[in-house]
PDB file of N, CA and C in Angstrom:
ATOM      1  N   MET A   1      25.796  14.075  17.344  1.00  0.00           N
ATOM      2  CA  MET A   1      25.105  15.052  16.532  1.00  0.00           C
ATOM      3  C   MET A   1      23.665  15.177  17.020  1.00  0.00           C
ATOM      4  N   THR A   2      23.187  16.369  17.142  1.00  0.00           N
ATOM      5  CA  THR A   2      21.807  16.560  17.567  1.00  0.00           C
ATOM      6  C   THR A   2      21.052  17.367  16.527  1.00  0.00           C
ATOM      7  N   LEU A   3      19.797  17.063  16.392  1.00  0.00           N
ATOM      8  CA  LEU A   3      18.911  17.794  15.504  1.00  0.00           C
ATOM      9  C   LEU A   3      17.595  17.939  16.243  1.00  0.00           C
ATOM     10  N   PHE A   4      17.200  19.163  16.488  1.00  0.00           N
ATOM     11  CA  PHE A   4      15.991  19.454  17.265  1.00  0.00           C
ATOM     12  C   PHE A   4      16.053  18.842  18.648  1.00  0.00           C
ATOM     13  N   GLY A   5      17.232  18.725  19.199  1.00  0.00           N
ATOM     14  CA  GLY A   5      17.406  18.188  20.535  1.00  0.00           C
ATOM     15  C   GLY A   5      17.352  16.672  20.609  1.00  0.00           C
ATOM     16  N   LEU A   6      17.345  15.994  19.461  1.00  0.00           N
ATOM     17  CA  LEU A   6      17.305  14.530  19.447  1.00  0.00           C
ATOM     18  C   LEU A   6      18.701  13.991  19.185  1.00  0.00           C
ATOM     19  N   GLU A   7      19.052  12.957  19.872  1.00  0.00           N
ATOM     20  CA  GLU A   7      20.338  12.308  19.669  1.00  0.00           C
ATOM     21  C   GLU A   7      20.283  11.444  18.411  1.00  0.00           C
ATOM     22  N   SER A   8      21.415  11.009  17.946  1.00  0.00           N
ATOM     23  CA  SER A   8      21.510  10.248  16.708  1.00  0.00           C
ATOM     24  C   SER A   8      20.709   8.939  16.734  1.00  0.00           C
ATOM     25  N   PRO A   9      20.756   8.120  17.793  1.00  0.00           N
ATOM     26  CA  PRO A   9      19.933   6.901  17.790  1.00  0.00           C
ATOM     27  C   PRO A   9      18.428   7.200  17.735  1.00  0.00           C
ATOM     28  N   ALA A  10      18.032   8.310  18.337  1.00  0.00           N
ATOM     29  CA  ALA A  10      16.622   8.684  18.276  1.00  0.00           C
ATOM     30  C   ALA A  10      16.221   9.072  16.861  1.00  0.00           C
ATOM     31  N   LEU A  11      17.124   9.733  16.137  1.00  0.00           N
ATOM     32  CA  LEU A  11      16.834  10.085  14.747  1.00  0.00           C
ATOM     33  C   LEU A  11      16.745   8.847  13.867  1.00  0.00           C
ATOM     34  N   VAL A  12      17.612   7.897  14.122  1.00  0.00           N
ATOM     35  CA  VAL A  12      17.571   6.650  13.362  1.00  0.00           C
ATOM     36  C   VAL A  12      16.253   5.920  13.619  1.00  0.00           C
ATOM     37  N   ALA A  13      15.846   5.853  14.866  1.00  0.00           N
ATOM     38  CA  ALA A  13      14.583   5.186  15.208  1.00  0.00           C
ATOM     39  C   ALA A  13      13.396   5.925  14.589  1.00  0.00           C
ATOM     40  N   LEU A  14      13.410   7.246  14.636  1.00  0.00           N
ATOM     41  CA  LEU A  14      12.333   8.037  14.038  1.00  0.00           C
ATOM     42  C   LEU A  14      12.279   7.833  12.530  1.00  0.00           C
ATOM     43  N   GLY A  15      13.427   7.837  11.889  1.00  0.00           N
ATOM     44  CA  GLY A  15      13.480   7.608  10.446  1.00  0.00           C
ATOM     45  C   GLY A  15      12.998   6.220  10.075  1.00  0.00           C
ATOM     46  N   LEU A  16      13.345   5.241  10.898  1.00  0.00           N
ATOM     47  CA  LEU A  16      12.900   3.875  10.650  1.00  0.00           C
ATOM     48  C   LEU A  16      11.384   3.752  10.795  1.00  0.00           C
ATOM     49  N   TYR A  17      10.818   4.378  11.811  1.00  0.00           N
ATOM     50  CA  TYR A  17       9.363   4.378  11.974  1.00  0.00           C
ATOM     51  C   TYR A  17       8.667   5.035  10.790  1.00  0.00           C
ATOM     52  N   VAL A  18       9.192   6.151  10.329  1.00  0.00           N
ATOM     53  CA  VAL A  18       8.583   6.853   9.187  1.00  0.00           C
ATOM     54  C   VAL A  18       8.684   6.003   7.922  1.00  0.00           C
ATOM     55  N   ALA A  19       9.840   5.393   7.697  1.00  0.00           N
ATOM     56  CA  ALA A  19      10.024   4.570   6.502  1.00  0.00           C
ATOM     57  C   ALA A  19       9.115   3.339   6.526  1.00  0.00           C
ATOM     58  N   LEU A  20       9.061   2.638   7.648  1.00  0.00           N
ATOM     59  CA  LEU A  20       8.206   1.452   7.733  1.00  0.00           C
ATOM     60  C   LEU A  20       6.725   1.819   7.682  1.00  0.00           C
ATOM     61  N   GLY A  21       6.362   2.934   8.309  1.00  0.00           N
ATOM     62  CA  GLY A  21       4.971   3.381   8.250  1.00  0.00           C
ATOM     63  C   GLY A  21       4.555   3.749   6.841  1.00  0.00           C
ATOM     64  N   GLY A  22       5.425   4.440   6.118  1.00  0.00           N
ATOM     65  CA  GLY A  22       5.126   4.780   4.729  1.00  0.00           C
ATOM     66  C   GLY A  22       5.038   3.547   3.848  1.00  0.00           C
ATOM     67  N   LEU A  23       5.891   2.585   4.107  1.00  0.00           N
ATOM     68  CA  LEU A  23       5.856   1.334   3.357  1.00  0.00           C
ATOM     69  C   LEU A  23       4.556   0.581   3.630  1.00  0.00           C
ATOM     70  N   TYR A  24       4.147   0.521   4.902  1.00  0.00           N
ATOM     71  CA  TYR A  24       2.944  -0.220   5.295  1.00  0.00           C
ATOM     72  C   TYR A  24       1.661   0.487   4.858  1.00  0.00           C
ATOM     73  N   LEU A  25       1.650   1.824   4.951  1.00  0.00           N
ATOM     74  CA  LEU A  25       0.414   2.560   4.694  1.00  0.00           C
ATOM     75  C   LEU A  25       0.259   3.061   3.267  1.00  0.00           C
ATOM     76  N   VAL A  26       1.340   3.162   2.498  1.00  0.00           N
ATOM     77  CA  VAL A  26       1.220   3.752   1.163  1.00  0.00           C
ATOM     78  C   VAL A  26       1.787   2.843   0.071  1.00  0.00           C
ATOM     79  N   VAL A  27       3.040   2.481   0.167  1.00  0.00           N
ATOM     80  CA  VAL A  27       3.737   1.837  -0.951  1.00  0.00           C
ATOM     81  C   VAL A  27       3.165   0.447  -1.258  1.00  0.00           C
ATOM     82  N   VAL A  28       3.093  -0.421  -0.277  1.00  0.00           N
ATOM     83  CA  VAL A  28       2.619  -1.784  -0.520  1.00  0.00           C
ATOM     84  C   VAL A  28       1.131  -1.806  -0.900  1.00  0.00           C
ATOM     85  N   PRO A  29       0.238  -1.049  -0.247  1.00  0.00           N
ATOM     86  CA  PRO A  29      -1.162  -1.070  -0.682  1.00  0.00           C
ATOM     87  C   PRO A  29      -1.369  -0.571  -2.113  1.00  0.00           C
ATOM     88  N   VAL A  30      -0.636   0.473  -2.527  1.00  0.00           N
ATOM     89  CA  VAL A  30      -0.778   0.957  -3.900  1.00  0.00           C
ATOM     90  C   VAL A  30      -0.306  -0.109  -4.880  1.00  0.00           C
ATOM     91  N   ALA A  31       0.841  -0.712  -4.616  1.00  0.00           N
ATOM     92  CA  ALA A  31       1.348  -1.763  -5.497  1.00  0.00           C
ATOM     93  C   ALA A  31       0.396  -2.956  -5.534  1.00  0.00           C
ATOM     94  N   LEU A  32      -0.145  -3.323  -4.407  1.00  0.00           N
ATOM     95  CA  LEU A  32      -1.071  -4.447  -4.321  1.00  0.00           C
ATOM     96  C   LEU A  32      -2.360  -4.172  -5.091  1.00  0.00           C
ATOM     97  N   MET A  33      -2.912  -2.983  -4.940  1.00  0.00           N
ATOM     98  CA  MET A  33      -4.149  -2.649  -5.635  1.00  0.00           C
ATOM     99  C   MET A  33      -3.937  -2.554  -7.143  1.00  0.00           C
ATOM    100  N   LEU A  34      -2.825  -1.996  -7.572  1.00  0.00           N
ATOM    101  CA  LEU A  34      -2.549  -1.918  -9.009  1.00  0.00           C
ATOM    102  C   LEU A  34      -2.330  -3.310  -9.602  1.00  0.00           C
ATOM    103  N   TYR A  35      -1.640  -4.177  -8.873  1.00  0.00           N
ATOM    104  CA  TYR A  35      -1.430  -5.543  -9.350  1.00  0.00           C
ATOM    105  C   TYR A  35      -2.762  -6.296  -9.437  1.00  0.00           C
ATOM    106  N   LEU A  36      -3.608  -6.146  -8.436  1.00  0.00           N
ATOM    107  CA  LEU A  36      -4.906  -6.822  -8.463  1.00  0.00           C
ATOM    108  C   LEU A  36      -5.781  -6.313  -9.597  1.00  0.00           C
ATOM    109  N   LYS A  37      -5.711  -5.026  -9.899  1.00  0.00           N
ATOM    110  CA  LYS A  37      -6.484  -4.474 -11.011  1.00  0.00           C
ATOM    111  C   LYS A  37      -6.008  -5.075 -12.328  1.00  0.00           C
ATOM    112  N   GLN A  38      -4.708  -5.234 -12.469  1.00  0.00           N
ATOM    113  CA  GLN A  38      -4.145  -5.761 -13.701  1.00  0.00           C
ATOM    114  C   GLN A  38      -4.484  -7.245 -13.883  1.00  0.00           C
ATOM    115  N   ARG A  39      -4.535  -8.006 -12.807  1.00  0.00           N
ATOM    116  CA  ARG A  39      -4.704  -9.455 -12.888  1.00  0.00           C
ATOM    117  C   ARG A  39      -6.113  -9.932 -12.549  1.00  0.00           C
ATOM    118  N   GLU A  40      -7.100  -9.028 -12.419  1.00  0.00           N
ATOM    119  CA  GLU A  40      -8.403  -9.429 -11.912  1.00  0.00           C
ATOM    120  C   GLU A  40      -9.116 -10.455 -12.796  1.00  0.00           C
ATOM    121  N   ALA A  41      -8.897 -10.448 -14.105  1.00  0.00           N
ATOM    122  CA  ALA A  41      -9.619 -11.361 -14.988  1.00  0.00           C
ATOM    123  C   ALA A  41      -8.906 -12.691 -15.192  1.00  0.00           C
ATOM    124  N   VAL A  42      -7.609 -12.757 -14.933  1.00  0.00           N
ATOM    125  CA  VAL A  42      -6.849 -13.965 -15.283  1.00  0.00           C
ATOM    126  C   VAL A  42      -6.193 -14.647 -14.091  1.00  0.00           C
ATOM    127  N   ALA A  43      -6.401 -14.161 -12.885  1.00  0.00           N
ATOM    128  CA  ALA A  43      -5.730 -14.734 -11.710  1.00  0.00           C
ATOM    129  C   ALA A  43      -6.327 -16.091 -11.345  1.00  0.00           C
ATOM    130  N   SER A  44      -5.470 -16.999 -10.904  1.00  0.00           N
ATOM    131  CA  SER A  44      -5.940 -18.306 -10.446  1.00  0.00           C
ATOM    132  C   SER A  44      -6.503 -18.173  -9.028  1.00  0.00           C
ATOM    133  N   SER A  45      -7.161 -19.219  -8.574  1.00  0.00           N
ATOM    134  CA  SER A  45      -7.780 -19.155  -7.248  1.00  0.00           C
ATOM    135  C   SER A  45      -6.731 -19.071  -6.142  1.00  0.00           C
ATOM    136  N   ILE A  46      -5.600 -19.747  -6.318  1.00  0.00           N
ATOM    137  CA  ILE A  46      -4.531 -19.681  -5.310  1.00  0.00           C
ATOM    138  C   ILE A  46      -3.941 -18.280  -5.263  1.00  0.00           C
ATOM    139  N   GLU A  47      -3.759 -17.681  -6.441  1.00  0.00           N
ATOM    140  CA  GLU A  47      -3.229 -16.316  -6.498  1.00  0.00           C
ATOM    141  C   GLU A  47      -4.195 -15.330  -5.833  1.00  0.00           C
ATOM    142  N   ARG A  48      -5.485 -15.498  -6.095  1.00  0.00           N
ATOM    143  CA  ARG A  48      -6.487 -14.627  -5.460  1.00  0.00           C
ATOM    144  C   ARG A  48      -6.469 -14.798  -3.940  1.00  0.00           C
ATOM    145  N   LEU A  49      -6.383 -16.015  -3.474  1.00  0.00           N
ATOM    146  CA  LEU A  49      -6.350 -16.278  -2.038  1.00  0.00           C
ATOM    147  C   LEU A  49      -5.147 -15.593  -1.393  1.00  0.00           C
ATOM    148  N   PHE A  50      -3.989 -15.717  -2.018  1.00  0.00           N
ATOM    149  CA  PHE A  50      -2.775 -15.102  -1.498  1.00  0.00           C
ATOM    150  C   PHE A  50      -2.891 -13.577  -1.461  1.00  0.00           C
ATOM    151  N   PHE A  51      -3.346 -12.978  -2.553  1.00  0.00           N
ATOM    152  CA  PHE A  51      -3.381 -11.521  -2.608  1.00  0.00           C
ATOM    153  C   PHE A  51      -4.528 -10.933  -1.789  1.00  0.00           C
ATOM    154  N   TYR A  52      -5.640 -11.632  -1.646  1.00  0.00           N
ATOM    155  CA  TYR A  52      -6.678 -11.133  -0.748  1.00  0.00           C
ATOM    156  C   TYR A  52      -6.258 -11.282   0.710  1.00  0.00           C
ATOM    157  N   GLY A  53      -5.426 -12.265   1.004  1.00  0.00           N
ATOM    158  CA  GLY A  53      -4.827 -12.341   2.337  1.00  0.00           C
ATOM    159  C   GLY A  53      -3.918 -11.153   2.594  1.00  0.00           C
ATOM    160  N   LEU A  54      -3.134 -10.765   1.575  1.00  0.00           N
ATOM    161  CA  LEU A  54      -2.305  -9.562   1.708  1.00  0.00           C
ATOM    162  C   LEU A  54      -3.169  -8.310   1.867  1.00  0.00           C
ATOM    163  N   MET A  55      -4.320  -8.268   1.181  1.00  0.00           N
ATOM    164  CA  MET A  55      -5.231  -7.131   1.350  1.00  0.00           C
ATOM    165  C   MET A  55      -5.708  -7.046   2.800  1.00  0.00           C
ATOM    166  N   LEU A  56      -5.937  -8.181   3.423  1.00  0.00           N
ATOM    167  CA  LEU A  56      -6.343  -8.195   4.827  1.00  0.00           C
ATOM    168  C   LEU A  56      -5.226  -7.664   5.720  1.00  0.00           C
ATOM    169  N   VAL A  57      -3.990  -8.070   5.435  1.00  0.00           N
ATOM    170  CA  VAL A  57      -2.850  -7.628   6.237  1.00  0.00           C
ATOM    171  C   VAL A  57      -2.626  -6.121   6.084  1.00  0.00           C
ATOM    172  N   PHE A  58      -2.775  -5.609   4.860  1.00  0.00           N
ATOM    173  CA  PHE A  58      -2.516  -4.195   4.586  1.00  0.00           C
ATOM    174  C   PHE A  58      -3.808  -3.383   4.500  1.00  0.00           C
ATOM    175  N   PHE A  59      -4.863  -3.823   5.185  1.00  0.00           N
ATOM    176  CA  PHE A  59      -6.168  -3.179   5.117  1.00  0.00           C
ATOM    177  C   PHE A  59      -6.148  -1.700   5.517  1.00  0.00           C
ATOM    178  N   PRO A  60      -5.458  -1.300   6.595  1.00  0.00           N
ATOM    179  CA  PRO A  60      -5.452   0.138   6.925  1.00  0.00           C
ATOM    180  C   PRO A  60      -4.864   0.997   5.813  1.00  0.00           C
ATOM    181  N   GLY A  61      -3.820   0.517   5.178  1.00  0.00           N
ATOM    182  CA  GLY A  61      -3.230   1.260   4.070  1.00  0.00           C
ATOM    183  C   GLY A  61      -4.148   1.297   2.865  1.00  0.00           C
ATOM    184  N   CYS A  62      -4.866   0.194   2.613  1.00  0.00           N
ATOM    185  CA  CYS A  62      -5.804   0.168   1.490  1.00  0.00           C
ATOM    186  C   CYS A  62      -6.946   1.153   1.719  1.00  0.00           C
ATOM    187  N   LEU A  63      -7.405   1.265   2.948  1.00  0.00           N
ATOM    188  CA  LEU A  63      -8.438   2.253   3.248  1.00  0.00           C
ATOM    189  C   LEU A  63      -7.924   3.676   3.074  1.00  0.00           C
ATOM    190  N   LEU A  64      -6.686   3.892   3.425  1.00  0.00           N
ATOM    191  CA  LEU A  64      -6.086   5.211   3.308  1.00  0.00           C
ATOM    192  C   LEU A  64      -5.893   5.617   1.851  1.00  0.00           C
ATOM    193  N   VAL A  65      -5.528   4.686   0.997  1.00  0.00           N
ATOM    194  CA  VAL A  65      -5.178   4.976  -0.393  1.00  0.00           C
ATOM    195  C   VAL A  65      -6.381   4.900  -1.329  1.00  0.00           C
ATOM    196  N   SER A  66      -7.388   4.119  -0.996  1.00  0.00           N
ATOM    197  CA  SER A  66      -8.486   3.841  -1.920  1.00  0.00           C
ATOM    198  C   SER A  66      -9.248   5.071  -2.426  1.00  0.00           C
ATOM    199  N   PRO A  67      -9.441   6.140  -1.670  1.00  0.00           N
ATOM    200  CA  PRO A  67     -10.148   7.283  -2.253  1.00  0.00           C
ATOM    201  C   PRO A  67      -9.405   7.956  -3.405  1.00  0.00           C
ATOM    202  N   PHE A  68      -8.122   7.720  -3.527  1.00  0.00           N
ATOM    203  CA  PHE A  68      -7.327   8.371  -4.555  1.00  0.00           C
ATOM    204  C   PHE A  68      -7.135   7.529  -5.803  1.00  0.00           C
ATOM    205  N   LEU A  69      -7.581   6.273  -5.790  1.00  0.00           N
ATOM    206  CA  LEU A  69      -7.451   5.399  -6.948  1.00  0.00           C
ATOM    207  C   LEU A  69      -8.814   5.212  -7.595  1.00  0.00           C
ATOM    208  N   ASN A  70      -8.856   5.290  -8.915  1.00  0.00           N
ATOM    209  CA  ASN A  70     -10.100   5.159  -9.651  1.00  0.00           C
ATOM    210  C   ASN A  70      -9.990   3.961 -10.579  1.00  0.00           C
ATOM    211  N   PHE A  71     -10.717   2.900 -10.272  1.00  0.00           N
ATOM    212  CA  PHE A  71     -10.664   1.697 -11.086  1.00  0.00           C
ATOM    213  C   PHE A  71     -11.951   1.483 -11.879  1.00  0.00           C
ATOM    214  N   ARG A  72     -12.774   2.502 -12.001  1.00  0.00           N
ATOM    215  CA  ARG A  72     -13.994   2.359 -12.776  1.00  0.00           C
ATOM    216  C   ARG A  72     -13.655   2.229 -14.258  1.00  0.00           C
ATOM    217  N   PRO A  73     -14.441   1.454 -15.011  1.00  0.00           N
ATOM    218  CA  PRO A  73     -14.161   1.341 -16.442  1.00  0.00           C
ATOM    219  C   PRO A  73     -14.400   2.673 -17.159  1.00  0.00           C
ATOM    220  N   GLN A  74     -13.717   2.856 -18.275  1.00  0.00           N
ATOM    221  CA  GLN A  74     -13.896   4.069 -19.071  1.00  0.00           C
ATOM    222  C   GLN A  74     -15.281   4.078 -19.688  1.00  0.00           C
ATOM    223  N   ARG A  75     -15.826   5.255 -19.889  1.00  0.00           N
ATOM    224  CA  ARG A  75     -17.153   5.404 -20.489  1.00  0.00           C
ATOM    225  C   ARG A  75     -17.098   4.970 -21.951  1.00  0.00           C
ATOM    226  N   ARG A  76     -18.086   4.180 -22.365  1.00  0.00           N
ATOM    227  CA  ARG A  76     -18.141   3.693 -23.753  1.00  0.00           C
ATOM    228  C   ARG A  76     -18.920   4.676 -24.611  1.00  0.00           C
ATOM    229  N   GLU A  77     -18.496   4.780 -25.858  1.00  0.00           N
ATOM    230  CA  GLU A  77     -19.241   5.582 -26.837  1.00  0.00           C
ATOM    231  C   GLU A  77     -20.350   4.729 -27.415  1.00  0.00           C
ATOM    232  N   VAL A  78     -21.565   5.277 -27.443  1.00  0.00           N
ATOM    233  CA  VAL A  78     -22.716   4.525 -27.982  1.00  0.00           C
ATOM    234  C   VAL A  78     -23.095   5.067 -29.330  1.00  0.00           C
TER     235      VAL A  78
END
């Protein structure tokens, strides 16, 4: 089967690259940042070390996603 002149193994490889790239650049960094936001006040030092290590591993994805996430506190009424 061909699609756009690509053979089936080439399509599988292309799909795998797209899936892994999306996982590395979008899915895991968003999940990691949301989890860190939720646990920022109660996380133990070992947990922080582990998740900041993951932030280092997924740093390109975190840079890509960070402009779209807003973690600022809500404005207080005075």
